[in-house]
Amino acid sequence: MGLEHFEWEVGDVIVLHLSGSITLGDGTRKFRKLVRDTLDSGKKNILLNMSEVVYLDSSGLGELVAAYTTSKNNGGTLKLMKLTQRVQELDDPVFTWHGVDGELGRATLEPSVKLDGAR
């Protein structure tokens, strides 16, 4: 299942409702282009509704982190909401999911580098 989306605005926040998979190849390309096009259009505060994302591989996780970094570097924010149980249970050795940002139950994605075994 490919990545699809629809969007709407709430104040200065653009909500991107994603459905399908964010996986290496077409899914990550579509996601990267969606985030870049959104930022290029001047919409800096992005809320990703992940309720219908059925699968996220390590490349998809990398794209989420890249989107967070790109958004932040462009003076914006990127937040996640309605993570599926499967995505919440993702246990990546390099990145971790941090807490809930209160209002609307938005989860914040922040990269957290683990230094175990680093030289």
C-alpha atoms as a PDB file:
ATOM      1  CA  MET A   1       0.000   0.000   0.000  1.00  0.00           C
ATOM      2  CA  GLY A   2       1.503   3.323  -1.072  1.00  0.00           C
ATOM      3  CA  LEU A   3       1.521   6.505   0.940  1.00  0.00           C
ATOM      4  CA  GLU A   4      -1.494   8.782   0.488  1.00  0.00           C
ATOM      5  CA  HIS A   5      -2.489  11.964   2.285  1.00  0.00           C
ATOM      6  CA  PHE A   6      -5.019  14.728   2.650  1.00  0.00           C
ATOM      7  CA  GLU A   7      -4.605  17.969   4.553  1.00  0.00           C
ATOM      8  CA  TRP A   8      -6.420  20.755   6.339  1.00  0.00           C
ATOM      9  CA  GLU A   9      -5.462  23.821   8.349  1.00  0.00           C
ATOM     10  CA  VAL A  10      -6.249  24.694  11.940  1.00  0.00           C
ATOM     11  CA  GLY A  11      -5.021  28.219  12.657  1.00  0.00           C
ATOM     12  CA  ASP A  12      -1.341  28.331  11.745  1.00  0.00           C
ATOM     13  CA  VAL A  13      -1.001  24.523  11.782  1.00  0.00           C
ATOM     14  CA  ILE A  14      -1.237  22.339   8.678  1.00  0.00           C
ATOM     15  CA  VAL A  15      -2.493  18.844   9.509  1.00  0.00           C
ATOM     16  CA  LEU A  16      -1.269  16.155   7.134  1.00  0.00           C
ATOM     17  CA  HIS A  17      -3.346  12.995   7.464  1.00  0.00           C
ATOM     18  CA  LEU A  18      -1.179  10.127   6.212  1.00  0.00           C
ATOM     19  CA  SER A  19      -2.344   6.664   5.228  1.00  0.00           C
ATOM     20  CA  GLY A  20      -0.437   3.649   3.972  1.00  0.00           C
ATOM     21  CA  SER A  21       3.239   2.813   4.449  1.00  0.00           C
ATOM     22  CA  ILE A  22       6.314   4.985   4.790  1.00  0.00           C
ATOM     23  CA  THR A  23       8.939   2.587   3.496  1.00  0.00           C
ATOM     24  CA  LEU A  24      12.093   2.717   1.389  1.00  0.00           C
ATOM     25  CA  GLY A  25      11.359   3.814  -2.162  1.00  0.00           C
ATOM     26  CA  ASP A  26       8.089   5.378  -3.227  1.00  0.00           C
ATOM     27  CA  GLY A  27       6.784   5.890   0.334  1.00  0.00           C
ATOM     28  CA  THR A  28       9.825   7.789   1.560  1.00  0.00           C
ATOM     29  CA  ARG A  29      10.058   9.817  -1.671  1.00  0.00           C
ATOM     30  CA  LYS A  30       6.400  10.866  -1.409  1.00  0.00           C
ATOM     31  CA  PHE A  31       6.780  11.735   2.277  1.00  0.00           C
ATOM     32  CA  ARG A  32       9.944  13.794   1.706  1.00  0.00           C
ATOM     33  CA  LYS A  33       8.302  15.698  -1.174  1.00  0.00           C
ATOM     34  CA  LEU A  34       5.131  16.298   0.861  1.00  0.00           C
ATOM     35  CA  VAL A  35       7.082  17.832   3.750  1.00  0.00           C
ATOM     36  CA  ARG A  36       9.330  19.892   1.443  1.00  0.00           C
ATOM     37  CA  ASP A  37       6.348  21.190  -0.588  1.00  0.00           C
ATOM     38  CA  THR A  38       4.480  22.070   2.615  1.00  0.00           C
ATOM     39  CA  LEU A  39       7.426  24.033   4.000  1.00  0.00           C
ATOM     40  CA  ASP A  40       8.097  25.686   0.622  1.00  0.00           C
ATOM     41  CA  SER A  41       4.487  26.916   0.553  1.00  0.00           C
ATOM     42  CA  GLY A  42       5.155  28.845   3.771  1.00  0.00           C
ATOM     43  CA  LYS A  43       3.385  26.458   6.132  1.00  0.00           C
ATOM     44  CA  LYS A  44       5.887  25.981   8.934  1.00  0.00           C
ATOM     45  CA  ASN A  45       3.887  24.213  11.669  1.00  0.00           C
ATOM     46  CA  ILE A  46       3.174  20.652  10.605  1.00  0.00           C
ATOM     47  CA  LEU A  47       1.108  18.100  12.516  1.00  0.00           C
ATOM     48  CA  LEU A  48       1.289  14.573  11.097  1.00  0.00           C
ATOM     49  CA  ASN A  49      -1.804  12.455  11.774  1.00  0.00           C
ATOM     50  CA  MET A  50      -0.323   8.937  11.778  1.00  0.00           C
ATOM     51  CA  SER A  51      -3.544   7.065  12.612  1.00  0.00           C
ATOM     52  CA  GLU A  52      -3.632   5.252   9.261  1.00  0.00           C
ATOM     53  CA  VAL A  53       0.083   4.634   8.768  1.00  0.00           C
ATOM     54  CA  VAL A  54       0.149   0.845   8.658  1.00  0.00           C
ATOM     55  CA  TYR A  55       3.896   0.324   8.392  1.00  0.00           C
ATOM     56  CA  LEU A  56       7.044   2.334   8.966  1.00  0.00           C
ATOM     57  CA  ASP A  57      10.456   0.820   8.221  1.00  0.00           C
ATOM     58  CA  SER A  58      13.865   2.176   9.233  1.00  0.00           C
ATOM     59  CA  SER A  59      13.978   4.362   6.098  1.00  0.00           C
ATOM     60  CA  GLY A  60      10.588   5.805   7.021  1.00  0.00           C
ATOM     61  CA  LEU A  61      11.835   6.523  10.524  1.00  0.00           C
ATOM     62  CA  GLY A  62      14.876   8.243   9.028  1.00  0.00           C
ATOM     63  CA  GLU A  63      12.587  10.394   6.868  1.00  0.00           C
ATOM     64  CA  LEU A  64      10.542  11.382   9.947  1.00  0.00           C
ATOM     65  CA  VAL A  65      13.710  12.513  11.689  1.00  0.00           C
ATOM     66  CA  ALA A  66      14.892  14.352   8.544  1.00  0.00           C
ATOM     67  CA  ALA A  67      11.475  16.049   8.278  1.00  0.00           C
ATOM     68  CA  TYR A  68      11.690  17.114  11.926  1.00  0.00           C
ATOM     69  CA  THR A  69      15.179  18.545  11.369  1.00  0.00           C
ATOM     70  CA  THR A  70      14.238  20.281   8.121  1.00  0.00           C
ATOM     71  CA  SER A  71      11.148  21.808   9.709  1.00  0.00           C
ATOM     72  CA  LYS A  72      13.111  23.023  12.733  1.00  0.00           C
ATOM     73  CA  ASN A  73      15.884  24.447  10.522  1.00  0.00           C
ATOM     74  CA  ASN A  74      13.224  26.386   8.597  1.00  0.00           C
ATOM     75  CA  GLY A  75      11.799  27.945  11.765  1.00  0.00           C
ATOM     76  CA  GLY A  76       8.894  25.531  12.037  1.00  0.00           C
ATOM     77  CA  THR A  77       7.709  22.592  14.071  1.00  0.00           C
ATOM     78  CA  LEU A  78       6.806  19.023  13.214  1.00  0.00           C
ATOM     79  CA  LYS A  79       4.685  16.971  15.588  1.00  0.00           C
ATOM     80  CA  LEU A  80       3.027  13.571  15.414  1.00  0.00           C
ATOM     81  CA  MET A  81      -0.409  12.518  16.602  1.00  0.00           C
ATOM     82  CA  LYS A  82      -2.396   9.291  16.810  1.00  0.00           C
ATOM     83  CA  LEU A  83       0.531   6.920  16.489  1.00  0.00           C
ATOM     84  CA  THR A  84      -0.647   3.372  15.862  1.00  0.00           C
ATOM     85  CA  GLN A  85       0.322   0.702  18.389  1.00  0.00           C
ATOM     86  CA  ARG A  86       2.721  -0.793  15.849  1.00  0.00           C
ATOM     87  CA  VAL A  87       4.554   2.515  15.378  1.00  0.00           C
ATOM     88  CA  GLN A  88       4.563   3.236  19.132  1.00  0.00           C
ATOM     89  CA  GLU A  89       6.269  -0.102  19.753  1.00  0.00           C
ATOM     90  CA  LEU A  90       9.054   0.716  17.297  1.00  0.00           C
ATOM     91  CA  ASP A  91      12.261   0.159  19.212  1.00  0.00           C
ATOM     92  CA  ASP A  92      15.024   1.747  17.181  1.00  0.00           C
ATOM     93  CA  PRO A  93      18.530   1.692  18.697  1.00  0.00           C
ATOM     94  CA  VAL A  94      19.361   5.240  17.535  1.00  0.00           C
ATOM     95  CA  PHE A  95      16.141   7.236  17.867  1.00  0.00           C
ATOM     96  CA  THR A  96      13.540   7.291  20.595  1.00  0.00           C
ATOM     97  CA  TRP A  97      10.033   8.728  20.748  1.00  0.00           C
ATOM     98  CA  HIS A  98       9.575  11.302  23.483  1.00  0.00           C
ATOM     99  CA  GLY A  99       6.442  11.997  25.474  1.00  0.00           C
ATOM    100  CA  VAL A 100       3.218  13.678  24.676  1.00  0.00           C
ATOM    101  CA  ASP A 101       3.058  17.416  24.155  1.00  0.00           C
ATOM    102  CA  GLY A 102      -0.248  17.802  26.021  1.00  0.00           C
ATOM    103  CA  GLU A 103      -2.652  19.737  23.813  1.00  0.00           C
ATOM    104  CA  LEU A 104      -4.445  17.462  21.345  1.00  0.00           C
ATOM    105  CA  GLY A 105      -2.251  14.557  22.462  1.00  0.00           C
ATOM    106  CA  ARG A 106       0.495  15.480  20.001  1.00  0.00           C
ATOM    107  CA  ALA A 107       3.637  13.406  20.350  1.00  0.00           C
ATOM    108  CA  THR A 108       6.968  15.083  19.731  1.00  0.00           C
ATOM    109  CA  LEU A 109       9.627  13.318  17.706  1.00  0.00           C
ATOM    110  CA  GLU A 110      13.115  14.211  18.805  1.00  0.00           C
ATOM    111  CA  PRO A 111      16.240  12.342  17.787  1.00  0.00           C
ATOM    112  CA  SER A 112      18.190  11.025  20.702  1.00  0.00           C
ATOM    113  CA  VAL A 113      21.580   9.593  19.824  1.00  0.00           C
ATOM    114  CA  LYS A 114      22.667   6.755  22.059  1.00  0.00           C
ATOM    115  CA  LEU A 115      26.382   6.808  22.656  1.00  0.00           C
ATOM    116  CA  ASP A 116      26.706   3.153  23.731  1.00  0.00           C
ATOM    117  CA  GLY A 117      29.633   1.643  21.874  1.00  0.00           C
ATOM    118  CA  ALA A 118      30.630   4.982  20.321  1.00  0.00           C
ATOM    119  CA  ARG A 119      34.307   5.568  19.726  1.00  0.00           C
END
